[in-house]
Amino acid sequence: MGTRKYSSYAQIDRELEILKIEKEINLQKIHLEIQDVKENLEPKNIMKNAVSGIVSSFSPSIPGPYGKIIGLAFPFITKWIFKKRGR
């Protein structure tokens, strides 16, 4: 950002307020990214992501409607299994 010339204190105050709001938005974005990383590092999410990646790589290679059925049903089955384990 280059040097700016202001003709009044009101312009300076407005610019400072804008910068303050931008800073707050960026801090909130960082906070949300940290929360996403924490959630992705939970053991159940690591396992879910690994298994869904494996299934998605195999389901297109299964011919016919079975591949589609497996691809659609697998997330529900894994969710059901994780719910049963959590009890």
Protein backbone atom coordinates (compact mmCIF):
# COMPACT_ATOMS: atom_id res chain seq x y z
CA MET A 1 0.00 0.00 0.00
CA GLY A 2 1.43 3.36 -0.98
CA THR A 3 1.29 6.60 0.94
CA ARG A 4 -2.12 8.17 1.07
CA LYS A 5 -3.03 11.78 1.63
CA TYR A 6 -6.03 12.55 3.77
CA SER A 7 -7.88 15.84 3.81
CA SER A 8 -9.62 15.34 7.15
CA TYR A 9 -9.49 13.36 10.37
CA ALA A 10 -12.83 11.81 9.45
CA GLN A 11 -11.21 10.08 6.45
CA ILE A 12 -8.43 8.76 8.68
CA ASP A 13 -10.95 7.50 11.23
CA ARG A 14 -12.97 5.82 8.49
CA GLU A 15 -9.87 4.11 7.08
CA LEU A 16 -8.85 2.94 10.56
CA GLU A 17 -12.33 1.54 11.16
CA ILE A 18 -12.21 -0.35 7.86
CA LEU A 19 -8.80 -1.77 8.73
CA LYS A 20 -10.03 -2.78 12.18
CA ILE A 21 -13.01 -4.64 10.68
CA GLU A 22 -10.80 -6.34 8.08
CA LYS A 23 -8.46 -7.45 10.86
CA GLU A 24 -11.36 -8.91 12.83
CA ILE A 25 -12.65 -10.76 9.76
CA ASN A 26 -9.21 -12.24 9.11
CA LEU A 27 -8.88 -13.33 12.75
CA GLN A 28 -12.27 -15.04 12.55
CA LYS A 29 -11.22 -16.82 9.34
CA ILE A 30 -8.06 -18.07 11.05
CA HIS A 31 -10.11 -19.25 14.03
CA LEU A 32 -12.48 -21.18 11.76
CA GLU A 33 -9.55 -22.76 9.88
CA ILE A 34 -8.03 -23.90 13.18
CA GLN A 35 -11.36 -25.44 14.18
CA ASP A 36 -11.54 -27.28 10.84
CA VAL A 37 -8.03 -28.63 11.30
CA LYS A 38 -8.86 -29.81 14.83
CA GLU A 39 -11.98 -31.58 13.58
CA ASN A 40 -10.12 -33.20 10.69
CA LEU A 41 -7.47 -34.53 13.08
CA GLU A 42 -9.99 -36.34 15.29
CA PRO A 43 -9.51 -40.11 14.97
CA LYS A 44 -13.05 -40.79 13.74
CA ASN A 45 -12.72 -38.16 10.99
CA ILE A 46 -9.30 -39.43 9.94
CA MET A 47 -10.73 -42.94 9.62
CA LYS A 48 -13.85 -41.72 7.83
CA ASN A 49 -11.82 -39.70 5.32
CA ALA A 50 -9.43 -42.58 4.69
CA VAL A 51 -12.20 -45.11 4.16
CA SER A 52 -14.27 -42.80 1.96
CA GLY A 53 -11.19 -42.12 -0.16
CA ILE A 54 -10.60 -45.82 -0.61
CA VAL A 55 -14.23 -46.49 -1.48
CA SER A 56 -14.41 -43.59 -3.93
CA SER A 57 -11.34 -44.92 -5.71
CA PHE A 58 -12.86 -48.40 -6.04
CA SER A 59 -16.54 -47.63 -6.63
CA PRO A 60 -16.05 -46.18 -10.15
CA SER A 61 -14.18 -49.34 -11.13
CA ILE A 62 -17.13 -51.54 -10.11
CA PRO A 63 -19.27 -51.89 -13.23
CA GLY A 64 -22.98 -51.23 -13.44
CA PRO A 65 -25.32 -49.98 -10.77
CA TYR A 66 -23.47 -51.79 -7.97
CA GLY A 67 -20.68 -49.23 -7.96
CA LYS A 68 -23.16 -46.41 -7.63
CA ILE A 69 -25.07 -48.20 -4.90
CA ILE A 70 -21.89 -48.88 -2.93
CA GLY A 71 -20.77 -45.27 -3.39
CA LEU A 72 -24.11 -43.96 -2.13
CA ALA A 73 -24.61 -46.43 0.72
CA PHE A 74 -21.11 -46.41 2.16
CA PRO A 75 -21.30 -43.03 3.98
CA PHE A 76 -24.51 -44.13 5.71
CA ILE A 77 -23.04 -47.48 6.71
CA THR A 78 -19.89 -45.90 8.16
CA LYS A 79 -21.97 -43.35 10.08
CA TRP A 80 -24.08 -46.18 11.50
CA ILE A 81 -20.94 -48.12 12.52
CA PHE A 82 -19.42 -45.10 14.25
CA LYS A 83 -22.66 -44.45 16.12
CA LYS A 84 -22.73 -48.07 17.32
CA ARG A 85 -19.11 -47.84 18.51
CA GLY A 86 -19.80 -44.60 20.38
CA ARG A 87 -22.39 -46.19 22.64
